C-alpha atoms as a PDB file:
ATOM      1  CA  UNK A   1      -6.323  22.743  -7.351  1.00  0.00           C
ATOM      2  CA  UNK A   2      -7.254  20.033  -9.851  1.00  0.00           C
ATOM      3  CA  UNK A   3      -3.932  18.252  -9.353  1.00  0.00           C
ATOM      4  CA  UNK A   4      -4.451  18.340  -5.599  1.00  0.00           C
ATOM      5  CA  UNK A   5      -7.856  16.694  -5.885  1.00  0.00           C
ATOM      6  CA  UNK A   6      -6.479  14.105  -8.297  1.00  0.00           C
ATOM      7  CA  UNK A   7      -3.628  13.399  -5.867  1.00  0.00           C
ATOM      8  CA  UNK A   8      -6.165  12.931  -3.093  1.00  0.00           C
ATOM      9  CA  UNK A   9      -8.116  10.474  -5.257  1.00  0.00           C
ATOM     10  CA  UNK A  10      -4.982   8.492  -6.130  1.00  0.00           C
ATOM     11  CA  UNK A  11      -3.770   8.213  -2.534  1.00  0.00           C
ATOM     12  CA  UNK A  12      -7.287   7.327  -1.375  1.00  0.00           C
ATOM     13  CA  UNK A  13      -7.505   4.523  -3.958  1.00  0.00           C
ATOM     14  CA  UNK A  14      -4.114   3.199  -2.849  1.00  0.00           C
ATOM     15  CA  UNK A  15      -5.114   3.354   0.801  1.00  0.00           C
ATOM     16  CA  UNK A  16      -8.521   1.816   0.248  1.00  0.00           C
ATOM     17  CA  UNK A  17      -6.949  -1.161  -1.509  1.00  0.00           C
ATOM     18  CA  UNK A  18      -4.322  -1.528   1.216  1.00  0.00           C
ATOM     19  CA  UNK A  19      -6.924  -1.271   3.971  1.00  0.00           C
ATOM     20  CA  UNK A  20      -9.105  -3.884   2.263  1.00  0.00           C
ATOM     21  CA  UNK A  21      -6.177  -6.296   2.332  1.00  0.00           C
ATOM     22  CA  UNK A  22      -5.598  -5.682   6.050  1.00  0.00           C
ATOM     23  CA  UNK A  23      -9.204  -5.874   7.264  1.00  0.00           C
ATOM     24  CA  UNK A  24     -10.811  -8.334   4.829  1.00  0.00           C
ATOM     25  CA  UNK A  25      -8.452 -10.355   2.669  1.00  0.00           C
ATOM     26  CA  UNK A  26      -5.675 -11.103   5.169  1.00  0.00           C
ATOM     27  CA  UNK A  27      -8.014 -12.352   7.933  1.00  0.00           C
ATOM     28  CA  UNK A  28      -9.915 -14.452   5.390  1.00  0.00           C
ATOM     29  CA  UNK A  29      -6.789 -16.060   3.950  1.00  0.00           C
ATOM     30  CA  UNK A  30      -5.557 -16.903   7.436  1.00  0.00           C
ATOM     31  CA  UNK A  31      -8.570 -19.212   7.861  1.00  0.00           C
ATOM     32  CA  UNK A  32      -7.212 -21.455   5.085  1.00  0.00           C
ATOM     33  CA  UNK A  33      -4.871 -24.390   5.590  1.00  0.00           C
ATOM     34  CA  UNK A  34      -1.177 -23.693   4.968  1.00  0.00           C
ATOM     35  CA  UNK A  35      -1.237 -24.873   1.344  1.00  0.00           C
ATOM     36  CA  UNK A  36      -4.408 -22.907   0.544  1.00  0.00           C
ATOM     37  CA  UNK A  37      -3.001 -19.873   2.337  1.00  0.00           C
ATOM     38  CA  UNK A  38       0.075 -19.780   0.117  1.00  0.00           C
ATOM     39  CA  UNK A  39      -1.915 -20.653  -3.012  1.00  0.00           C
ATOM     40  CA  UNK A  40      -4.198 -17.663  -2.364  1.00  0.00           C
ATOM     41  CA  UNK A  41      -1.423 -15.269  -1.259  1.00  0.00           C
ATOM     42  CA  UNK A  42       0.776 -15.621  -4.362  1.00  0.00           C
ATOM     43  CA  UNK A  43      -1.618 -14.351  -7.066  1.00  0.00           C
ATOM     44  CA  UNK A  44      -3.198 -11.876  -4.656  1.00  0.00           C
ATOM     45  CA  UNK A  45       0.202 -10.346  -3.928  1.00  0.00           C
ATOM     46  CA  UNK A  46       1.117 -10.124  -7.612  1.00  0.00           C
ATOM     47  CA  UNK A  47      -2.199  -8.495  -8.558  1.00  0.00           C
ATOM     48  CA  UNK A  48      -2.052  -6.116  -5.614  1.00  0.00           C
ATOM     49  CA  UNK A  49       1.499  -5.043  -6.437  1.00  0.00           C
ATOM     50  CA  UNK A  50       0.511  -4.404 -10.062  1.00  0.00           C
ATOM     51  CA  UNK A  51      -2.268  -2.099  -8.857  1.00  0.00           C
ATOM     52  CA  UNK A  52      -0.741  -0.383  -5.830  1.00  0.00           C
ATOM     53  CA  UNK A  53       2.723   0.427  -7.179  1.00  0.00           C
ATOM     54  CA  UNK A  54       1.394   2.619 -10.030  1.00  0.00           C
ATOM     55  CA  UNK A  55      -1.155   4.261  -7.713  1.00  0.00           C
ATOM     56  CA  UNK A  56       1.638   5.245  -5.321  1.00  0.00           C
ATOM     57  CA  UNK A  57       3.703   6.686  -8.169  1.00  0.00           C
ATOM     58  CA  UNK A  58       0.754   8.558  -9.706  1.00  0.00           C
ATOM     59  CA  UNK A  59      -0.294   9.880  -6.292  1.00  0.00           C
ATOM     60  CA  UNK A  60       3.243  11.080  -5.656  1.00  0.00           C
ATOM     61  CA  UNK A  61       3.548  12.830  -9.025  1.00  0.00           C
ATOM     62  CA  UNK A  62       0.148  14.492  -8.745  1.00  0.00           C
ATOM     63  CA  UNK A  63       0.855  15.624  -5.177  1.00  0.00           C
ATOM     64  CA  UNK A  64       4.226  17.003  -6.267  1.00  0.00           C
ATOM     65  CA  UNK A  65       2.592  18.986  -9.072  1.00  0.00           C
ATOM     66  CA  UNK A  66      -0.081  20.245  -6.660  1.00  0.00           C
ATOM     67  CA  UNK A  67       2.611  21.298  -4.174  1.00  0.00           C
ATOM     68  CA  UNK A  68       4.568  23.055  -6.937  1.00  0.00           C
ATOM     69  CA  UNK A  69       1.429  24.915  -8.042  1.00  0.00           C
ATOM     70  CA  UNK A  70       0.131  25.852  -4.601  1.00  0.00           C
ATOM     71  CA  UNK A  71       3.094  25.678  -2.180  1.00  0.00           C
ATOM     72  CA  UNK A  72       0.745  23.836   0.208  1.00  0.00           C
ATOM     73  CA  UNK A  73       2.976  21.692   2.414  1.00  0.00           C
ATOM     74  CA  UNK A  74       0.251  19.074   2.796  1.00  0.00           C
ATOM     75  CA  UNK A  75       0.672  18.026  -0.813  1.00  0.00           C
ATOM     76  CA  UNK A  76       4.408  17.583  -0.353  1.00  0.00           C
ATOM     77  CA  UNK A  77       3.885  15.600   2.857  1.00  0.00           C
ATOM     78  CA  UNK A  78       1.218  13.461   1.199  1.00  0.00           C
ATOM     79  CA  UNK A  79       3.363  12.835  -1.853  1.00  0.00           C
ATOM     80  CA  UNK A  80       6.364  11.810   0.210  1.00  0.00           C
ATOM     81  CA  UNK A  81       4.202   9.583   2.439  1.00  0.00           C
ATOM     82  CA  UNK A  82       2.645   7.727  -0.489  1.00  0.00           C
ATOM     83  CA  UNK A  83       5.892   7.239  -2.410  1.00  0.00           C
ATOM     84  CA  UNK A  84       7.531   5.984   0.805  1.00  0.00           C
ATOM     85  CA  UNK A  85       5.566   2.782   0.173  1.00  0.00           C
ATOM     86  CA  UNK A  86       8.070   1.959  -2.597  1.00  0.00           C
ATOM     87  CA  UNK A  87      11.261   1.892  -0.504  1.00  0.00           C
ATOM     88  CA  UNK A  88       9.352   0.319   2.383  1.00  0.00           C
ATOM     89  CA  UNK A  89       8.256  -2.470   0.052  1.00  0.00           C
ATOM     90  CA  UNK A  90      11.730  -2.956  -1.421  1.00  0.00           C
ATOM     91  CA  UNK A  91      13.615  -2.815   1.880  1.00  0.00           C
ATOM     92  CA  UNK A  92      11.112  -3.929   4.496  1.00  0.00           C
ATOM     93  CA  UNK A  93       8.738  -6.316   2.737  1.00  0.00           C
ATOM     94  CA  UNK A  94      10.618  -7.770  -0.254  1.00  0.00           C
ATOM     95  CA  UNK A  95      12.578 -10.366   1.774  1.00  0.00           C
ATOM     96  CA  UNK A  96       9.297 -11.782   3.109  1.00  0.00           C
ATOM     97  CA  UNK A  97       7.709 -11.637  -0.360  1.00  0.00           C
ATOM     98  CA  UNK A  98      10.701 -13.456  -1.876  1.00  0.00           C
ATOM     99  CA  UNK A  99      10.627 -16.141   0.814  1.00  0.00           C
ATOM    100  CA  UNK A 100       6.916 -16.765   0.233  1.00  0.00           C
ATOM    101  CA  UNK A 101       7.240 -16.765  -3.552  1.00  0.00           C
ATOM    102  CA  UNK A 102      10.057 -19.325  -3.351  1.00  0.00           C
ATOM    103  CA  UNK A 103       7.948 -21.887  -1.490  1.00  0.00           C
ATOM    104  CA  UNK A 104       6.001 -24.424  -3.531  1.00  0.00           C
ATOM    105  CA  UNK A 105       2.419 -24.719  -2.237  1.00  0.00           C
ATOM    106  CA  UNK A 106       2.898 -28.490  -1.913  1.00  0.00           C
ATOM    107  CA  UNK A 107       5.734 -27.785   0.551  1.00  0.00           C
ATOM    108  CA  UNK A 108       3.750 -25.275   2.608  1.00  0.00           C
ATOM    109  CA  UNK A 109       3.961 -25.700   6.356  1.00  0.00           C
ATOM    110  CA  UNK A 110       3.917 -23.637   9.516  1.00  0.00           C
ATOM    111  CA  UNK A 111       6.681 -21.378   8.161  1.00  0.00           C
ATOM    112  CA  UNK A 112       4.252 -20.188   5.459  1.00  0.00           C
ATOM    113  CA  UNK A 113       1.663 -19.155   8.021  1.00  0.00           C
ATOM    114  CA  UNK A 114       4.294 -17.321  10.087  1.00  0.00           C
ATOM    115  CA  UNK A 115       5.574 -15.509   6.997  1.00  0.00           C
ATOM    116  CA  UNK A 116       2.071 -14.501   5.858  1.00  0.00           C
ATOM    117  CA  UNK A 117       1.251 -13.206   9.340  1.00  0.00           C
ATOM    118  CA  UNK A 118       4.535 -11.235   9.300  1.00  0.00           C
ATOM    119  CA  UNK A 119       3.696  -9.977   5.801  1.00  0.00           C
ATOM    120  CA  UNK A 120       0.319  -8.700   7.045  1.00  0.00           C
ATOM    121  CA  UNK A 121       2.008  -6.597   9.713  1.00  0.00           C
ATOM    122  CA  UNK A 122       4.516  -5.236   7.223  1.00  0.00           C
ATOM    123  CA  UNK A 123       1.726  -4.459   4.766  1.00  0.00           C
ATOM    124  CA  UNK A 124      -0.106  -2.519   7.488  1.00  0.00           C
ATOM    125  CA  UNK A 125       2.749   0.005   7.359  1.00  0.00           C
ATOM    126  CA  UNK A 126       1.836   0.674   3.726  1.00  0.00           C
ATOM    127  CA  UNK A 127      -1.749   1.237   4.812  1.00  0.00           C
ATOM    128  CA  UNK A 128      -0.523   3.695   7.440  1.00  0.00           C
ATOM    129  CA  UNK A 129       1.572   5.574   4.886  1.00  0.00           C
ATOM    130  CA  UNK A 130      -1.508   5.834   2.680  1.00  0.00           C
ATOM    131  CA  UNK A 131      -3.609   7.118   5.570  1.00  0.00           C
ATOM    132  CA  UNK A 132      -0.982   9.771   6.292  1.00  0.00           C
ATOM    133  CA  UNK A 133      -1.017  10.757   2.612  1.00  0.00           C
ATOM    134  CA  UNK A 134      -4.817  11.089   2.644  1.00  0.00           C
ATOM    135  CA  UNK A 135      -4.800  13.279   5.744  1.00  0.00           C
ATOM    136  CA  UNK A 136      -2.032  15.504   4.377  1.00  0.00           C
ATOM    137  CA  UNK A 137      -3.577  15.932   0.910  1.00  0.00           C
ATOM    138  CA  UNK A 138      -7.052  16.463   2.348  1.00  0.00           C
ATOM    139  CA  UNK A 139      -5.662  19.088   4.712  1.00  0.00           C
ATOM    140  CA  UNK A 140      -3.991  20.863   1.781  1.00  0.00           C
ATOM    141  CA  UNK A 141      -7.186  20.686  -0.304  1.00  0.00           C
ATOM    142  CA  UNK A 142      -9.278  22.110   2.538  1.00  0.00           C
ATOM    143  CA  UNK A 143      -6.804  24.924   3.149  1.00  0.00           C
ATOM    144  CA  UNK A 144      -6.800  25.809  -0.543  1.00  0.00           C
ATOM    145  CA  UNK A 145     -10.607  25.726  -0.715  1.00  0.00           C
ATOM    146  CA  UNK A 146     -11.100  28.100   2.215  1.00  0.00           C
END
């Protein structure tokens, strides 16, 4: 059960960070001018990726171990949901990330704002995957505890 609780912690940390971006950081950055928006987004994205990618991988591995130990389907569902953030990022979000990273802040215009708004919607999918992982792992933990 320890691995299940650790998986729950890892997916909750991932999801909390993702949710913070959606409800606090993204709306705040959108109040900036186009140059400031891009200047803030670039390091924020790089720091967020450095934190969230390992959390997704650790959450997946811990959930997989918990599933293997307990056969509780919730851990498998949670693990798959959290690791799905990786392919979603590489396939769904990376083109927008690359476009934003290629723009010099001094050249920022309306296209930057449109891309950052699009990025926020794409990032919300990661938050949703994390929420699904929390629900699934919590369900498995509660079933195992009863």
